[in-house]
């Protein structure tokens, strides 16, 4: 998901997306360990999605602290 799309979401939706992304990463790692994962690049994409969400959350927190 693009950062622009994530910035349009509310804080609650971001928390939900983060939980979903972490669960997805867990499942991908499990599939990788069992040899069931066809495209291992999906693990990296899931990590990047998590990082994007956490970055946007940090930006919002910093904006609130500056006010």
PDB file of N, CA and C in Angstrom:
ATOM      1  N   UNK A   1       0.835  -1.172   0.000  1.00  0.00           N
ATOM      2  CA  UNK A   1       0.000   0.000   0.000  1.00  0.00           C
ATOM      3  C   UNK A   1       0.886   1.242   0.000  1.00  0.00           C
ATOM      4  N   UNK A   2       0.477   2.241  -0.706  1.00  0.00           N
ATOM      5  CA  UNK A   2       1.238   3.482  -0.827  1.00  0.00           C
ATOM      6  C   UNK A   2       1.083   4.336   0.425  1.00  0.00           C
ATOM      7  N   UNK A   3       2.119   5.119   0.721  1.00  0.00           N
ATOM      8  CA  UNK A   3       2.088   5.998   1.887  1.00  0.00           C
ATOM      9  C   UNK A   3       0.972   7.027   1.757  1.00  0.00           C
ATOM     10  N   UNK A   4       0.737   7.493   0.563  1.00  0.00           N
ATOM     11  CA  UNK A   4      -0.324   8.484   0.333  1.00  0.00           C
ATOM     12  C   UNK A   4      -1.678   7.910   0.754  1.00  0.00           C
ATOM     13  N   UNK A   5      -1.919   6.658   0.413  1.00  0.00           N
ATOM     14  CA  UNK A   5      -3.177   6.011   0.779  1.00  0.00           C
ATOM     15  C   UNK A   5      -3.272   5.820   2.291  1.00  0.00           C
ATOM     16  N   UNK A   6      -2.163   5.487   2.904  1.00  0.00           N
ATOM     17  CA  UNK A   6      -2.154   5.279   4.344  1.00  0.00           C
ATOM     18  C   UNK A   6      -2.395   6.577   5.104  1.00  0.00           C
ATOM     19  N   UNK A   7      -1.888   7.680   4.598  1.00  0.00           N
ATOM     20  CA  UNK A   7      -2.068   8.963   5.267  1.00  0.00           C
ATOM     21  C   UNK A   7      -3.527   9.404   5.278  1.00  0.00           C
ATOM     22  N   UNK A   8      -4.315   8.887   4.365  1.00  0.00           N
ATOM     23  CA  UNK A   8      -5.732   9.235   4.308  1.00  0.00           C
ATOM     24  C   UNK A   8      -6.562   8.488   5.353  1.00  0.00           C
ATOM     25  N   UNK A   9      -5.982   7.451   5.962  1.00  0.00           N
ATOM     26  CA  UNK A   9      -6.704   6.654   6.948  1.00  0.00           C
ATOM     27  C   UNK A   9      -6.682   7.327   8.316  1.00  0.00           C
ATOM     28  N   UNK A  10      -7.671   6.990   9.118  1.00  0.00           N
ATOM     29  CA  UNK A  10      -7.724   7.520  10.483  1.00  0.00           C
ATOM     30  C   UNK A  10      -6.734   6.747  11.354  1.00  0.00           C
ATOM     31  N   UNK A  11      -6.522   7.242  12.572  1.00  0.00           N
ATOM     32  CA  UNK A  11      -5.610   6.573  13.496  1.00  0.00           C
ATOM     33  C   UNK A  11      -6.067   5.151  13.815  1.00  0.00           C
ATOM     34  N   UNK A  12      -7.362   4.979  14.011  1.00  0.00           N
ATOM     35  CA  UNK A  12      -7.908   3.661  14.326  1.00  0.00           C
ATOM     36  C   UNK A  12      -7.718   2.691  13.159  1.00  0.00           C
ATOM     37  N   UNK A  13      -7.920   3.199  11.951  1.00  0.00           N
ATOM     38  CA  UNK A  13      -7.734   2.354  10.773  1.00  0.00           C
ATOM     39  C   UNK A  13      -6.270   1.968  10.603  1.00  0.00           C
ATOM     40  N   UNK A  14      -5.363   2.879  10.939  1.00  0.00           N
ATOM     41  CA  UNK A  14      -3.937   2.561  10.861  1.00  0.00           C
ATOM     42  C   UNK A  14      -3.563   1.469  11.849  1.00  0.00           C
ATOM     43  N   UNK A  15      -4.110   1.541  13.042  1.00  0.00           N
ATOM     44  CA  UNK A  15      -3.830   0.514  14.047  1.00  0.00           C
ATOM     45  C   UNK A  15      -4.334  -0.842  13.555  1.00  0.00           C
ATOM     46  N   UNK A  16      -5.505  -0.840  12.949  1.00  0.00           N
ATOM     47  CA  UNK A  16      -6.073  -2.077  12.414  1.00  0.00           C
ATOM     48  C   UNK A  16      -5.204  -2.620  11.275  1.00  0.00           C
ATOM     49  N   UNK A  17      -4.777  -1.729  10.375  1.00  0.00           N
ATOM     50  CA  UNK A  17      -3.918  -2.145   9.260  1.00  0.00           C
ATOM     51  C   UNK A  17      -2.585  -2.695   9.764  1.00  0.00           C
ATOM     52  N   UNK A  18      -2.045  -2.080  10.805  1.00  0.00           N
ATOM     53  CA  UNK A  18      -0.778  -2.546  11.366  1.00  0.00           C
ATOM     54  C   UNK A  18      -0.933  -3.960  11.912  1.00  0.00           C
ATOM     55  N   UNK A  19      -2.008  -4.206  12.630  1.00  0.00           N
ATOM     56  CA  UNK A  19      -2.253  -5.545  13.166  1.00  0.00           C
ATOM     57  C   UNK A  19      -2.410  -6.570  12.041  1.00  0.00           C
ATOM     58  N   UNK A  20      -3.136  -6.194  11.003  1.00  0.00           N
ATOM     59  CA  UNK A  20      -3.327  -7.092   9.858  1.00  0.00           C
ATOM     60  C   UNK A  20      -2.007  -7.363   9.156  1.00  0.00           C
ATOM     61  N   UNK A  21      -1.184  -6.337   9.004  1.00  0.00           N
ATOM     62  CA  UNK A  21       0.100  -6.496   8.321  1.00  0.00           C
ATOM     63  C   UNK A  21       1.040  -7.376   9.127  1.00  0.00           C
ATOM     64  N   UNK A  22       1.022  -7.217  10.445  1.00  0.00           N
ATOM     65  CA  UNK A  22       1.870  -8.059  11.295  1.00  0.00           C
ATOM     66  C   UNK A  22       1.420  -9.511  11.245  1.00  0.00           C
ATOM     67  N   UNK A  23       0.118  -9.724  11.211  1.00  0.00           N
ATOM     68  CA  UNK A  23      -0.394 -11.091  11.102  1.00  0.00           C
ATOM     69  C   UNK A  23      -0.016 -11.695   9.753  1.00  0.00           C
ATOM     70  N   UNK A  24      -0.110 -10.890   8.707  1.00  0.00           N
ATOM     71  CA  UNK A  24       0.267 -11.335   7.376  1.00  0.00           C
ATOM     72  C   UNK A  24       1.756 -11.711   7.336  1.00  0.00           C
ATOM     73  N   UNK A  25       2.599 -10.892   7.948  1.00  0.00           N
ATOM     74  CA  UNK A  25       4.032 -11.181   7.991  1.00  0.00           C
ATOM     75  C   UNK A  25       4.292 -12.485   8.734  1.00  0.00           C
ATOM     76  N   UNK A  26       3.596 -12.693   9.837  1.00  0.00           N
ATOM     77  CA  UNK A  26       3.744 -13.937  10.596  1.00  0.00           C
ATOM     78  C   UNK A  26       3.415 -15.136   9.711  1.00  0.00           C
ATOM     79  N   UNK A  27       2.286 -15.033   9.002  1.00  0.00           N
ATOM     80  CA  UNK A  27       1.874 -16.131   8.128  1.00  0.00           C
ATOM     81  C   UNK A  27       2.874 -16.356   6.999  1.00  0.00           C
ATOM     82  N   UNK A  28       3.413 -15.285   6.435  1.00  0.00           N
ATOM     83  CA  UNK A  28       4.398 -15.417   5.364  1.00  0.00           C
ATOM     84  C   UNK A  28       5.675 -16.078   5.877  1.00  0.00           C
ATOM     85  N   UNK A  29       6.108 -15.690   7.069  1.00  0.00           N
ATOM     86  CA  UNK A  29       7.305 -16.310   7.648  1.00  0.00           C
ATOM     87  C   UNK A  29       7.076 -17.792   7.914  1.00  0.00           C
ATOM     88  N   UNK A  30       5.884 -18.124   8.362  1.00  0.00           N
ATOM     89  CA  UNK A  30       5.549 -19.528   8.606  1.00  0.00           C
ATOM     90  C   UNK A  30       5.584 -20.312   7.296  1.00  0.00           C
ATOM     91  N   UNK A  31       5.000 -19.741   6.255  1.00  0.00           N
ATOM     92  CA  UNK A  31       5.014 -20.388   4.947  1.00  0.00           C
ATOM     93  C   UNK A  31       6.438 -20.531   4.422  1.00  0.00           C
ATOM     94  N   UNK A  32       7.265 -19.517   4.657  1.00  0.00           N
ATOM     95  CA  UNK A  32       8.656 -19.565   4.211  1.00  0.00           C
ATOM     96  C   UNK A  32       9.404 -20.692   4.918  1.00  0.00           C
ATOM     97  N   UNK A  33       9.159 -20.837   6.202  1.00  0.00           N
ATOM     98  CA  UNK A  33       9.841 -21.865   6.982  1.00  0.00           C
ATOM     99  C   UNK A  33       9.414 -23.272   6.573  1.00  0.00           C
ATOM    100  N   UNK A  34       8.165 -23.419   6.169  1.00  0.00           N
ATOM    101  CA  UNK A  34       7.676 -24.740   5.783  1.00  0.00           C
ATOM    102  C   UNK A  34       7.873 -25.032   4.301  1.00  0.00           C
ATOM    103  N   UNK A  35       8.362 -24.048   3.566  1.00  0.00           N
ATOM    104  CA  UNK A  35       8.615 -24.250   2.144  1.00  0.00           C
ATOM    105  C   UNK A  35       7.385 -24.074   1.275  1.00  0.00           C
ATOM    106  N   UNK A  36       6.326 -23.526   1.818  1.00  0.00           N
ATOM    107  CA  UNK A  36       5.082 -23.367   1.072  1.00  0.00           C
ATOM    108  C   UNK A  36       4.992 -22.020   0.353  1.00  0.00           C
ATOM    109  N   UNK A  37       5.938 -21.130   0.591  1.00  0.00           N
ATOM    110  CA  UNK A  37       5.885 -19.796   0.005  1.00  0.00           C
ATOM    111  C   UNK A  37       6.539 -19.802  -1.373  1.00  0.00           C
ATOM    112  N   UNK A  38       5.787 -19.388  -2.380  1.00  0.00           N
ATOM    113  CA  UNK A  38       6.303 -19.373  -3.745  1.00  0.00           C
ATOM    114  C   UNK A  38       7.148 -18.135  -4.023  1.00  0.00           C
ATOM    115  N   UNK A  39       6.732 -16.994  -3.498  1.00  0.00           N
ATOM    116  CA  UNK A  39       7.409 -15.736  -3.780  1.00  0.00           C
ATOM    117  C   UNK A  39       7.933 -15.153  -2.471  1.00  0.00           C
ATOM    118  N   UNK A  40       9.203 -15.346  -2.200  1.00  0.00           N
ATOM    119  CA  UNK A  40       9.778 -14.888  -0.928  1.00  0.00           C
ATOM    120  C   UNK A  40       9.897 -13.368  -0.846  1.00  0.00           C
ATOM    121  N   UNK A  41       9.743 -12.674  -1.955  1.00  0.00           N
ATOM    122  CA  UNK A  41       9.796 -11.208  -1.944  1.00  0.00           C
ATOM    123  C   UNK A  41       8.609 -10.617  -1.193  1.00  0.00           C
ATOM    124  N   UNK A  42       7.549 -11.389  -1.028  1.00  0.00           N
ATOM    125  CA  UNK A  42       6.374 -10.903  -0.301  1.00  0.00           C
ATOM    126  C   UNK A  42       6.705 -10.607   1.159  1.00  0.00           C
ATOM    127  N   UNK A  43       7.698 -11.300   1.719  1.00  0.00           N
ATOM    128  CA  UNK A  43       8.106 -11.043   3.100  1.00  0.00           C
ATOM    129  C   UNK A  43       8.649  -9.613   3.200  1.00  0.00           C
ATOM    130  N   UNK A  44       9.494  -9.228   2.283  1.00  0.00           N
ATOM    131  CA  UNK A  44      10.049  -7.880   2.276  1.00  0.00           C
ATOM    132  C   UNK A  44       8.991  -6.819   2.075  1.00  0.00           C
ATOM    133  N   UNK A  45       8.026  -7.098   1.218  1.00  0.00           N
ATOM    134  CA  UNK A  45       6.930  -6.150   0.985  1.00  0.00           C
ATOM    135  C   UNK A  45       6.088  -5.967   2.245  1.00  0.00           C
ATOM    136  N   UNK A  46       5.858  -7.059   2.950  1.00  0.00           N
ATOM    137  CA  UNK A  46       5.080  -6.970   4.193  1.00  0.00           C
ATOM    138  C   UNK A  46       5.832  -6.150   5.236  1.00  0.00           C
ATOM    139  N   UNK A  47       7.142  -6.342   5.313  1.00  0.00           N
ATOM    140  CA  UNK A  47       7.951  -5.561   6.257  1.00  0.00           C
ATOM    141  C   UNK A  47       7.903  -4.078   5.914  1.00  0.00           C
ATOM    142  N   UNK A  48       7.956  -3.759   4.639  1.00  0.00           N
ATOM    143  CA  UNK A  48       7.902  -2.357   4.217  1.00  0.00           C
ATOM    144  C   UNK A  48       6.558  -1.730   4.534  1.00  0.00           C
ATOM    145  N   UNK A  49       5.481  -2.495   4.360  1.00  0.00           N
ATOM    146  CA  UNK A  49       4.149  -1.978   4.708  1.00  0.00           C
ATOM    147  C   UNK A  49       4.075  -1.650   6.194  1.00  0.00           C
ATOM    148  N   UNK A  50       4.616  -2.529   7.026  1.00  0.00           N
ATOM    149  CA  UNK A  50       4.631  -2.292   8.469  1.00  0.00           C
ATOM    150  C   UNK A  50       5.442  -1.040   8.782  1.00  0.00           C
ATOM    151  N   UNK A  51       6.589  -0.903   8.143  1.00  0.00           N
ATOM    152  CA  UNK A  51       7.439   0.270   8.383  1.00  0.00           C
ATOM    153  C   UNK A  51       6.737   1.555   7.951  1.00  0.00           C
ATOM    154  N   UNK A  52       6.021   1.518   6.833  1.00  0.00           N
ATOM    155  CA  UNK A  52       5.296   2.704   6.373  1.00  0.00           C
ATOM    156  C   UNK A  52       4.229   3.116   7.381  1.00  0.00           C
ATOM    157  N   UNK A  53       3.487   2.146   7.864  1.00  0.00           N
ATOM    158  CA  UNK A  53       2.425   2.443   8.824  1.00  0.00           C
ATOM    159  C   UNK A  53       3.020   3.022  10.098  1.00  0.00           C
ATOM    160  N   UNK A  54       4.089   2.421  10.587  1.00  0.00           N
ATOM    161  CA  UNK A  54       4.716   2.902  11.823  1.00  0.00           C
ATOM    162  C   UNK A  54       5.307   4.296  11.630  1.00  0.00           C
ATOM    163  N   UNK A  55       5.831   4.584  10.454  1.00  0.00           N
ATOM    164  CA  UNK A  55       6.373   5.910  10.165  1.00  0.00           C
ATOM    165  C   UNK A  55       5.274   6.962  10.191  1.00  0.00           C
ATOM    166  N   UNK A  56       4.148   6.659   9.587  1.00  0.00           N
ATOM    167  CA  UNK A  56       3.032   7.604   9.566  1.00  0.00           C
ATOM    168  C   UNK A  56       2.505   7.832  10.977  1.00  0.00           C
ATOM    169  N   UNK A  57       2.429   6.776  11.773  1.00  0.00           N
ATOM    170  CA  UNK A  57       2.006   6.932  13.163  1.00  0.00           C
ATOM    171  C   UNK A  57       2.976   7.818  13.930  1.00  0.00           C
ATOM    172  N   UNK A  58       4.266   7.645  13.714  1.00  0.00           N
ATOM    173  CA  UNK A  58       5.275   8.465  14.391  1.00  0.00           C
ATOM    174  C   UNK A  58       5.180   9.919  13.941  1.00  0.00           C
ATOM    175  N   UNK A  59       4.954  10.140  12.653  1.00  0.00           N
ATOM    176  CA  UNK A  59       4.787  11.510  12.153  1.00  0.00           C
ATOM    177  C   UNK A  59       3.608  12.204  12.827  1.00  0.00           C
ATOM    178  N   UNK A  60       2.510  11.479  12.947  1.00  0.00           N
ATOM    179  CA  UNK A  60       1.330  12.057  13.587  1.00  0.00           C
ATOM    180  C   UNK A  60       1.588  12.341  15.065  1.00  0.00           C
ATOM    181  N   UNK A  61       2.297  11.451  15.728  1.00  0.00           N
ATOM    182  CA  UNK A  61       2.613  11.654  17.139  1.00  0.00           C
ATOM    183  C   UNK A  61       3.506  12.878  17.309  1.00  0.00           C
ATOM    184  N   UNK A  62       4.495  13.025  16.449  1.00  0.00           N
ATOM    185  CA  UNK A  62       5.395  14.175  16.524  1.00  0.00           C
ATOM    186  C   UNK A  62       4.657  15.481  16.250  1.00  0.00           C
ATOM    187  N   UNK A  63       3.693  15.432  15.351  1.00  0.00           N
ATOM    188  CA  UNK A  63       2.902  16.620  15.043  1.00  0.00           C
ATOM    189  C   UNK A  63       2.077  17.040  16.266  1.00  0.00           C
ATOM    190  N   UNK A  64       1.539  16.067  16.957  1.00  0.00           N
ATOM    191  CA  UNK A  64       0.738  16.364  18.160  1.00  0.00           C
ATOM    192  C   UNK A  64       1.600  16.926  19.279  1.00  0.00           C
ATOM    193  N   UNK A  65       2.816  16.419  19.410  1.00  0.00           N
ATOM    194  CA  UNK A  65       3.713  16.878  20.481  1.00  0.00           C
ATOM    195  C   UNK A  65       4.195  18.299  20.251  1.00  0.00           C
ATOM    196  N   UNK A  66       4.274  18.715  19.019  1.00  0.00           N
ATOM    197  CA  UNK A  66       4.767  20.058  18.697  1.00  0.00           C
ATOM    198  C   UNK A  66       3.717  21.126  18.960  1.00  0.00           C
ATOM    199  N   UNK A  67       2.464  20.738  19.026  1.00  0.00           N
ATOM    200  CA  UNK A  67       1.384  21.723  19.216  1.00  0.00           C
ATOM    201  C   UNK A  67       1.317  22.202  20.630  1.00  0.00           C
TER     202      UNK A  67
END
